[in-house]
Amino acid sequence: MTLKRRTKTTVDPSRLMVIDGLKNPVRWCTACGETVRVVEVDEAALTLFGLRTLHRLIEAGELHRTELSPGRLLICLNSLTRNLKTNGASTQPRR
């Protein structure tokens, strides 16, 4: 008689976003009125928000952005972090 081995995997639904400050440029954020670290919109989409919600937040003025060239957006990390703290738990996870 052989014994069957079972493995139980538990996944924590919370996400951790680690941003390497050395790789992220520093830009002036007019909304914050200070120099801040920024991330490209594709990097910011790795958060709980996802790309669609990020663009909605940008259009609503809740995320501060700088456009380097047409189609290349940088997001202020201060505004991204603030929105993750206030809206992250109630926002649907990215798909």
Protein backbone atom coordinates (compact mmCIF):
# COMPACT_ATOMS: atom_id res chain seq x y z
CA MET A 1 0.00 0.00 0.00
CA THR A 2 1.41 3.39 -0.99
CA LEU A 3 0.79 6.62 0.86
CA LYS A 4 -0.34 9.67 -1.05
CA ARG A 5 1.30 12.94 -0.19
CA ARG A 6 -0.75 16.13 -0.30
CA THR A 7 0.59 19.62 -0.57
CA LYS A 8 -1.46 22.60 0.48
CA THR A 9 -0.52 25.97 -0.99
CA THR A 10 -1.81 29.16 0.53
CA VAL A 11 -1.54 32.39 -1.43
CA ASP A 12 -1.69 35.76 0.27
CA PRO A 13 -3.80 38.07 -1.93
CA SER A 14 -2.02 41.22 -0.78
CA ARG A 15 0.71 42.54 -3.01
CA LEU A 16 4.00 44.14 -2.26
CA MET A 17 5.44 46.66 -4.68
CA VAL A 18 9.14 47.25 -4.35
CA ILE A 19 10.48 50.17 -6.29
CA ASP A 20 14.22 50.52 -6.65
CA GLY A 21 14.89 54.20 -6.08
CA LEU A 22 18.15 54.04 -8.00
CA LYS A 23 16.34 53.13 -11.22
CA ASN A 24 13.60 55.70 -10.94
CA PRO A 25 14.31 59.20 -12.17
CA VAL A 26 13.58 62.33 -10.18
CA ARG A 27 11.34 64.99 -11.72
CA TRP A 28 9.56 68.14 -10.59
CA CYS A 29 5.90 67.47 -9.76
CA THR A 30 3.89 70.65 -10.17
CA ALA A 31 0.96 69.21 -8.20
CA CYS A 32 3.16 68.28 -5.21
CA GLY A 33 5.32 71.39 -5.60
CA GLU A 34 8.51 69.40 -5.06
CA THR A 35 11.01 67.07 -6.66
CA VAL A 36 9.73 63.48 -6.54
CA ARG A 37 10.62 60.03 -7.81
CA VAL A 38 8.57 58.91 -10.79
CA VAL A 39 7.76 55.61 -12.50
CA GLU A 40 6.62 54.87 -16.03
CA VAL A 41 2.92 54.11 -16.35
CA ASP A 42 3.65 50.46 -17.24
CA GLU A 43 5.57 50.01 -13.99
CA ALA A 44 2.78 51.69 -12.02
CA ALA A 45 0.28 49.28 -13.63
CA LEU A 46 1.89 46.46 -11.61
CA THR A 47 0.07 47.80 -8.54
CA LEU A 48 -3.40 46.71 -7.47
CA PHE A 49 -4.85 49.30 -9.84
CA GLY A 50 -3.90 47.91 -13.24
CA LEU A 51 -3.59 49.93 -16.44
CA ARG A 52 -7.26 50.79 -16.97
CA THR A 53 -7.74 52.14 -13.45
CA LEU A 54 -4.44 54.05 -13.64
CA HIS A 55 -5.62 55.92 -16.72
CA ARG A 56 -8.95 56.67 -15.02
CA LEU A 57 -7.11 58.08 -11.98
CA ILE A 58 -4.85 60.15 -14.23
CA GLU A 59 -7.85 61.59 -16.07
CA ALA A 60 -9.54 62.36 -12.73
CA GLY A 61 -6.39 64.22 -11.59
CA GLU A 62 -5.83 61.86 -8.67
CA LEU A 63 -2.45 60.72 -10.01
CA HIS A 64 0.15 63.32 -10.88
CA ARG A 65 1.77 62.79 -14.26
CA THR A 66 4.46 64.16 -16.50
CA GLU A 67 4.52 63.44 -20.20
CA LEU A 68 8.05 63.06 -21.58
CA SER A 69 6.96 62.48 -25.16
CA PRO A 70 3.65 61.54 -26.77
CA GLY A 71 2.52 58.30 -25.17
CA ARG A 72 5.30 58.17 -22.55
CA LEU A 73 3.89 59.04 -19.14
CA LEU A 74 5.67 59.23 -15.80
CA ILE A 75 3.64 58.91 -12.61
CA CYS A 76 4.55 60.71 -9.38
CA LEU A 77 5.28 58.09 -6.72
CA ASN A 78 3.88 60.33 -3.98
CA SER A 79 0.46 60.42 -5.63
CA LEU A 80 0.60 56.70 -6.51
CA THR A 81 1.44 55.74 -2.92
CA ARG A 82 -1.26 58.04 -1.53
CA ASN A 83 -3.88 56.50 -3.85
CA LEU A 84 -2.80 52.96 -3.01
CA LYS A 85 -3.28 53.70 0.68
CA THR A 86 -6.71 55.28 0.24
CA ASN A 87 -8.16 53.37 -2.71
CA GLY A 88 -6.14 50.17 -2.91
CA ALA A 89 -8.35 48.06 -0.69
CA SER A 90 -11.58 49.07 -2.44
CA THR A 91 -10.26 48.85 -6.00
CA GLN A 92 -10.71 45.65 -7.97
CA PRO A 93 -7.43 43.78 -8.49
CA ARG A 94 -5.83 44.18 -11.90
CA ARG A 95 -6.60 41.61 -14.60
